[in-house]
């Protein structure tokens, strides 16, 4: 059984990295070339509010250049060119159908005006810093190690201790964070994104003969829902004050904000599809502008598509 468990452990860790990365792309949309007025308004909202920032996406996606083309230092320049010249349009194209289903153009313009307010703009910028540095933070590294071990314990019918992150924060700060986390829909968005990870785990457990895989998947889901907010709260404490959290929570009362979150939740419910769409657009651009890289990226997209099916 141990070799099989080791194999499952590798699948878990790789899947976690993929899903967490794609989940972050979704979160970037909700912390608060045919053109038309709605498309232009959505572009204004995502760029003008700081929701989409080329530097933050570059921090998240630049490692792909090294992964796909480790011996070619010029690859990073081609990726950087894409980020600066085409990224915004592609993100808007991918998200626009969902936003149209949930958000009117008037509501979109309301959000644009809202994010022009100086304090909210500053808060938004600090929130984006949390997301862009997440994978490099010690809190994230600790969480990933403990989370992977806890999943293996659950599968092996062993105790899985909750992570000990952010326990030192005041009860008032915790209450404010959890209020925003729930009211904003971030909880639903992240858990929706993780469902595809859990499905993958369940399929792999069945293949290697793990007893009652669905029950274990349910336990993993409960564990994730209980522990995931802790790492985000610890990082939030570094940049956001108690008053900041209360202000963010107050925004969730606005229909326009809630509808935007619903659009994000729809997209985040299948992060593999979201990531594949974004990366496919990048591969299309590369094929036209840097064909030496486009071919390999296209091959990677075919592999991701097969994985999603």
Protein backbone atom coordinates (compact mmCIF):
# COMPACT_ATOMS: atom_id res chain seq x y z
CA UNK A 1 0.00 0.00 0.00
CA UNK A 2 2.86 2.44 0.77
CA UNK A 3 4.03 2.85 -2.86
CA UNK A 4 0.43 3.56 -3.83
CA UNK A 5 0.09 6.09 -1.02
CA UNK A 6 3.32 7.77 -2.10
CA UNK A 7 1.95 8.00 -5.63
CA UNK A 8 -1.31 9.47 -4.32
CA UNK A 9 0.68 11.94 -2.22
CA UNK A 10 2.42 13.24 -5.34
CA UNK A 11 -0.92 13.60 -7.11
CA UNK A 12 -2.33 15.49 -4.13
CA UNK A 13 0.59 17.92 -3.94
CA UNK A 14 0.62 18.59 -7.69
CA UNK A 15 -3.15 19.03 -7.83
CA UNK A 16 -3.05 21.34 -4.82
CA UNK A 17 -0.49 23.58 -6.50
CA UNK A 18 -2.54 23.76 -9.71
CA UNK A 19 -5.86 24.40 -8.02
CA UNK A 20 -4.47 26.90 -5.50
CA UNK A 21 -2.77 28.81 -8.30
CA UNK A 22 -5.95 28.90 -10.38
CA UNK A 23 -7.98 29.84 -7.30
CA UNK A 24 -5.72 32.87 -6.83
CA UNK A 25 -6.48 33.95 -10.36
CA UNK A 26 -10.15 33.85 -9.42
CA UNK A 27 -9.57 35.81 -6.20
CA UNK A 28 -7.81 38.53 -8.18
CA UNK A 29 -11.15 39.19 -9.84
CA UNK A 30 -13.12 39.66 -6.60
CA UNK A 31 -10.89 41.61 -4.24
CA UNK A 32 -12.82 44.24 -4.90
CA UNK A 33 -11.27 42.38 -29.91
CA UNK A 34 -14.66 43.41 -30.63
CA UNK A 35 -15.32 46.35 -28.41
CA UNK A 36 -18.60 47.50 -26.92
CA UNK A 37 -19.56 49.67 -23.98
CA UNK A 38 -19.96 46.74 -21.56
CA UNK A 39 -16.62 45.25 -22.56
CA UNK A 40 -14.94 48.63 -22.15
CA UNK A 41 -16.60 49.17 -18.78
CA UNK A 42 -15.45 45.74 -17.60
CA UNK A 43 -11.92 46.52 -18.74
CA UNK A 44 -12.07 49.83 -16.86
CA UNK A 45 -13.30 48.05 -13.74
CA UNK A 46 -10.63 45.37 -13.78
CA UNK A 47 -7.74 47.70 -14.57
CA UNK A 48 -8.81 50.99 -13.02
CA UNK A 49 -9.66 49.43 -9.66
CA UNK A 50 -6.38 47.55 -9.54
CA UNK A 51 -8.16 44.20 -9.76
CA UNK A 52 -6.02 43.22 -12.73
CA UNK A 53 -2.38 44.19 -12.42
CA UNK A 54 0.21 42.96 -14.88
CA UNK A 55 2.89 42.82 -12.22
CA UNK A 56 0.79 40.56 -9.99
CA UNK A 57 -0.02 38.21 -12.84
CA UNK A 58 3.62 38.22 -13.84
CA UNK A 59 4.61 37.14 -10.32
CA UNK A 60 2.14 34.27 -10.55
CA UNK A 61 2.75 33.15 -14.13
CA UNK A 62 6.34 34.01 -15.00
CA UNK A 63 7.63 30.71 -13.53
CA UNK A 64 5.84 28.99 -16.42
CA UNK A 65 8.47 30.34 -18.79
CA UNK A 66 11.21 28.69 -16.75
CA UNK A 67 9.21 25.50 -16.41
CA UNK A 68 8.42 25.16 -20.12
CA UNK A 69 11.69 26.60 -21.45
CA UNK A 70 14.32 26.16 -18.70
CA UNK A 71 17.28 26.54 -21.06
CA UNK A 72 16.01 29.58 -22.95
CA UNK A 73 16.46 32.92 -21.15
CA UNK A 74 14.63 34.70 -23.98
CA UNK A 75 11.38 32.91 -23.11
CA UNK A 76 10.83 35.13 -20.08
CA UNK A 77 10.97 38.20 -22.33
CA UNK A 78 8.29 36.76 -24.61
CA UNK A 79 6.05 36.02 -21.61
CA UNK A 80 6.63 39.53 -20.23
CA UNK A 81 5.67 41.00 -23.60
CA UNK A 82 2.39 39.08 -23.48
CA UNK A 83 1.65 40.29 -19.95
CA UNK A 84 2.15 43.92 -20.94
CA UNK A 85 0.42 43.92 -24.31
CA UNK A 86 -2.42 41.39 -24.21
CA UNK A 87 -3.14 40.09 -20.72
CA UNK A 88 -5.85 42.61 -19.78
CA UNK A 89 -7.88 41.94 -22.91
CA UNK A 90 -7.67 38.18 -22.51
CA UNK A 91 -8.76 38.25 -18.86
CA UNK A 92 -11.74 40.43 -19.76
CA UNK A 93 -12.68 38.13 -22.66
CA UNK A 94 -12.66 35.09 -20.39
CA UNK A 95 -14.69 36.72 -17.61
CA UNK A 96 -17.07 38.81 -19.71
CA UNK A 97 -19.78 36.15 -20.36
CA UNK A 98 -20.14 35.41 -16.64
CA UNK A 99 -20.21 39.10 -15.74
CA UNK A 100 -22.89 39.75 -18.34
CA UNK A 101 -25.04 37.04 -16.79
CA UNK A 102 -24.82 38.54 -13.30
CA UNK A 103 -24.05 42.24 -13.60
CA UNK A 104 -25.72 45.07 -15.51
CA UNK A 105 -23.65 47.75 -17.20
CA UNK A 106 -25.00 50.31 -14.73
CA UNK A 107 -23.81 48.14 -11.82
CA UNK A 108 -20.43 47.75 -13.46
CA UNK A 109 -20.07 51.52 -13.72
CA UNK A 110 -21.13 51.81 -10.06
CA UNK A 111 -18.23 49.54 -9.12
CA UNK A 112 -15.80 51.60 -11.20
CA UNK A 113 -16.88 54.75 -9.38
CA UNK A 114 -16.67 52.97 -6.04
CA UNK A 115 -13.07 51.89 -6.62
CA UNK A 116 -12.10 55.46 -7.51
CA UNK A 117 -12.55 56.39 -3.84
CA UNK A 118 -8.99 56.94 -2.47
CA UNK A 119 -9.29 54.82 0.68
CA UNK A 120 -10.80 51.89 -1.18
CA UNK A 121 -8.18 52.19 -3.91
CA UNK A 122 -5.44 51.99 -1.27
CA UNK A 123 -7.13 49.06 0.40
CA UNK A 124 -7.44 47.31 -2.95
CA UNK A 125 -3.74 47.79 -3.66
CA UNK A 126 -2.79 46.30 -0.29
CA UNK A 127 -5.16 43.39 -0.85
CA UNK A 128 -3.50 42.65 -4.17
CA UNK A 129 -0.11 42.59 -2.48
CA UNK A 130 -1.39 39.80 -0.25
CA UNK A 131 -2.41 37.74 -3.25
CA UNK A 132 0.72 38.38 -5.31
CA UNK A 133 3.08 37.39 -2.47
CA UNK A 134 1.00 34.52 -1.10
CA UNK A 135 2.98 31.62 -2.54
CA UNK A 136 6.26 33.04 -1.15
CA UNK A 137 5.01 33.70 2.37
CA UNK A 138 6.03 31.47 5.30
CA UNK A 139 2.37 31.18 6.27
CA UNK A 140 1.54 29.72 2.89
CA UNK A 141 4.48 27.32 2.95
CA UNK A 142 3.54 26.11 6.41
CA UNK A 143 -0.08 25.69 5.41
CA UNK A 144 0.76 23.68 2.30
CA UNK A 145 2.99 21.33 4.28
CA UNK A 146 0.42 20.80 7.02
CA UNK A 147 -2.47 20.55 4.57
CA UNK A 148 -0.78 17.88 2.45
CA UNK A 149 0.09 15.86 5.56
CA UNK A 150 -3.42 16.20 6.96
CA UNK A 151 -4.97 14.96 3.71
CA UNK A 152 -2.75 11.89 3.80
CA UNK A 153 -3.72 11.31 7.45
CA UNK A 154 -7.42 11.51 6.61
CA UNK A 155 -6.99 9.01 3.78
CA UNK A 156 -5.09 6.67 6.13
CA UNK A 157 -7.76 7.05 8.90
CA UNK A 158 -5.33 8.94 11.15
CA UNK A 159 -5.99 12.14 13.15
CA UNK A 160 -5.55 15.39 11.20
CA UNK A 161 -4.72 18.33 13.45
CA UNK A 162 -5.96 21.78 12.47
CA UNK A 163 -3.28 24.21 11.32
CA UNK A 164 -1.91 26.59 13.94
CA UNK A 165 -1.88 29.81 11.95
CA UNK A 166 -3.26 33.18 13.06
CA UNK A 167 -4.23 31.82 16.48
CA UNK A 168 -2.58 34.83 18.14
CA UNK A 169 -4.91 37.39 16.53
CA UNK A 170 -7.55 39.15 18.57
CA UNK A 171 -11.06 37.74 18.62
CA UNK A 172 -12.37 41.05 17.22
CA UNK A 173 -10.05 40.84 14.20
CA UNK A 174 -10.96 37.19 13.62
CA UNK A 175 -14.68 37.96 13.81
CA UNK A 176 -14.29 40.81 11.31
CA UNK A 177 -12.26 38.67 8.92
CA UNK A 178 -14.67 35.74 9.01
CA UNK A 179 -17.62 38.09 8.53
CA UNK A 180 -16.09 39.44 5.32
CA UNK A 181 -14.90 36.00 4.24
CA UNK A 182 -18.47 34.66 4.44
CA UNK A 183 -20.47 37.69 3.33
CA UNK A 184 -18.27 38.43 0.33
CA UNK A 185 -18.56 34.92 -1.02
CA UNK A 186 -14.81 34.24 -0.92
CA UNK A 187 -15.57 31.12 1.12
CA UNK A 188 -17.92 29.77 -1.56
CA UNK A 189 -15.54 30.75 -4.35
CA UNK A 190 -12.56 28.93 -2.86
CA UNK A 191 -14.52 25.85 -1.86
CA UNK A 192 -16.12 25.74 -5.29
CA UNK A 193 -12.66 25.84 -6.85
CA UNK A 194 -11.48 23.05 -4.58
CA UNK A 195 -14.32 20.69 -5.46
CA UNK A 196 -12.56 19.70 -8.66
CA UNK A 197 -9.46 18.90 -6.59
CA UNK A 198 -11.53 16.75 -4.26
CA UNK A 199 -13.09 14.93 -7.22
CA UNK A 200 -9.60 14.18 -8.54
CA UNK A 201 -8.55 12.86 -5.13
CA UNK A 202 -11.64 10.66 -4.94
CA UNK A 203 -10.98 9.17 -8.38
CA UNK A 204 -7.36 8.39 -7.49
CA UNK A 205 -8.37 6.86 -4.15
CA UNK A 206 -10.79 4.54 -5.93
CA UNK A 207 -8.07 3.47 -8.36
CA UNK A 208 -5.74 2.37 -5.58
CA UNK A 209 -8.46 0.73 -3.50
CA UNK A 210 -8.83 3.19 -0.61
CA UNK A 211 -11.79 2.26 1.61
CA UNK A 212 -14.85 4.54 1.39
CA UNK A 213 -13.24 7.30 -0.72
CA UNK A 214 -16.35 9.49 -0.77
CA UNK A 215 -16.44 9.70 3.03
CA UNK A 216 -12.77 10.68 3.03
CA UNK A 217 -13.39 13.31 0.35
CA UNK A 218 -16.13 14.76 2.55
CA UNK A 219 -13.77 14.90 5.53
CA UNK A 220 -11.10 16.59 3.40
CA UNK A 221 -13.66 19.17 2.29
CA UNK A 222 -14.66 19.91 5.89
CA UNK A 223 -11.01 20.16 6.91
CA UNK A 224 -10.26 22.55 4.04
CA UNK A 225 -13.25 24.77 4.78
CA UNK A 226 -12.22 24.98 8.42
CA UNK A 227 -8.51 25.64 7.87
CA UNK A 228 -8.19 27.48 4.55
CA UNK A 229 -9.26 30.88 5.95
CA UNK A 230 -6.51 30.79 8.58
CA UNK A 231 -3.63 31.36 6.20
CA UNK A 232 -5.56 34.12 4.42
CA UNK A 233 -6.38 35.75 7.76
CA UNK A 234 -2.74 35.65 8.86
CA UNK A 235 -1.70 37.38 5.65
CA UNK A 236 -4.59 39.82 5.88
CA UNK A 237 -3.33 40.90 9.29
CA UNK A 238 -0.07 42.03 7.69
CA UNK A 239 -1.73 44.58 5.42
CA UNK A 240 -5.35 45.18 6.47
CA UNK A 241 -6.52 46.80 9.69
CA UNK A 242 -9.66 45.98 11.61
CA UNK A 243 -11.32 49.07 10.13
CA UNK A 244 -10.27 47.94 6.63
CA UNK A 245 -12.01 44.60 7.13
CA UNK A 246 -15.14 46.31 8.40
CA UNK A 247 -15.15 48.57 5.35
CA UNK A 248 -14.77 45.59 3.02
CA UNK A 249 -17.61 43.82 4.79
CA UNK A 250 -19.85 46.87 4.38
CA UNK A 251 -19.35 46.70 0.61
CA UNK A 252 -20.97 43.27 0.52
CA UNK A 253 -24.34 44.92 1.18
CA UNK A 254 -24.26 46.52 -2.26
CA UNK A 255 -26.09 44.55 -4.98
CA UNK A 256 -23.44 45.48 -7.57
CA UNK A 257 -20.68 44.00 -5.40
CA UNK A 258 -22.67 40.83 -4.68
CA UNK A 259 -23.45 40.36 -8.36
CA UNK A 260 -19.77 40.76 -9.27
CA UNK A 261 -18.92 38.09 -6.70
CA UNK A 262 -21.54 35.80 -8.22
CA UNK A 263 -19.86 36.17 -11.60
CA UNK A 264 -16.50 35.32 -10.07
CA UNK A 265 -17.99 32.34 -8.22
CA UNK A 266 -19.35 30.99 -11.51
CA UNK A 267 -15.91 31.18 -13.11
CA UNK A 268 -14.10 29.80 -10.07
CA UNK A 269 -16.38 26.77 -9.84
CA UNK A 270 -14.19 25.12 -12.47
CA UNK A 271 -10.69 26.56 -12.07
CA UNK A 272 -9.17 24.09 -14.50
CA UNK A 273 -11.41 25.45 -17.25
CA UNK A 274 -10.64 29.02 -16.18
CA UNK A 275 -6.90 28.40 -16.21
CA UNK A 276 -7.06 26.51 -19.49
CA UNK A 277 -8.95 29.36 -21.17
CA UNK A 278 -6.44 31.95 -20.01
CA UNK A 279 -3.43 29.84 -20.92
CA UNK A 280 -4.92 28.92 -24.30
CA UNK A 281 -5.32 32.58 -25.14
CA UNK A 282 -1.71 33.13 -24.18
CA UNK A 283 -0.68 30.18 -26.36
CA UNK A 284 -2.64 31.64 -29.31
CA UNK A 285 -0.87 34.97 -28.87
CA UNK A 286 2.51 33.23 -28.60
CA UNK A 287 1.83 31.19 -31.73
CA UNK A 288 1.33 34.42 -33.67
CA UNK A 289 4.02 36.57 -32.08
CA UNK A 290 6.59 34.00 -30.91
CA UNK A 291 5.88 30.73 -32.74
CA UNK A 292 8.98 29.09 -31.28
CA UNK A 293 7.14 29.04 -27.94
CA UNK A 294 3.56 28.80 -29.15
CA UNK A 295 3.85 25.21 -30.37
CA UNK A 296 4.94 23.81 -27.03
CA UNK A 297 2.31 25.83 -25.18
CA UNK A 298 -0.35 24.44 -27.51
CA UNK A 299 0.80 20.93 -26.67
CA UNK A 300 0.54 21.77 -22.98
CA UNK A 301 -3.02 23.06 -23.47
CA UNK A 302 -4.01 19.75 -25.08
CA UNK A 303 -2.65 17.91 -22.07
CA UNK A 304 -4.58 20.18 -19.66
CA UNK A 305 -7.74 19.73 -21.72
CA UNK A 306 -7.38 15.95 -21.48
CA UNK A 307 -6.81 16.27 -17.71
CA UNK A 308 -10.00 18.34 -17.34
CA UNK A 309 -12.04 15.65 -19.08
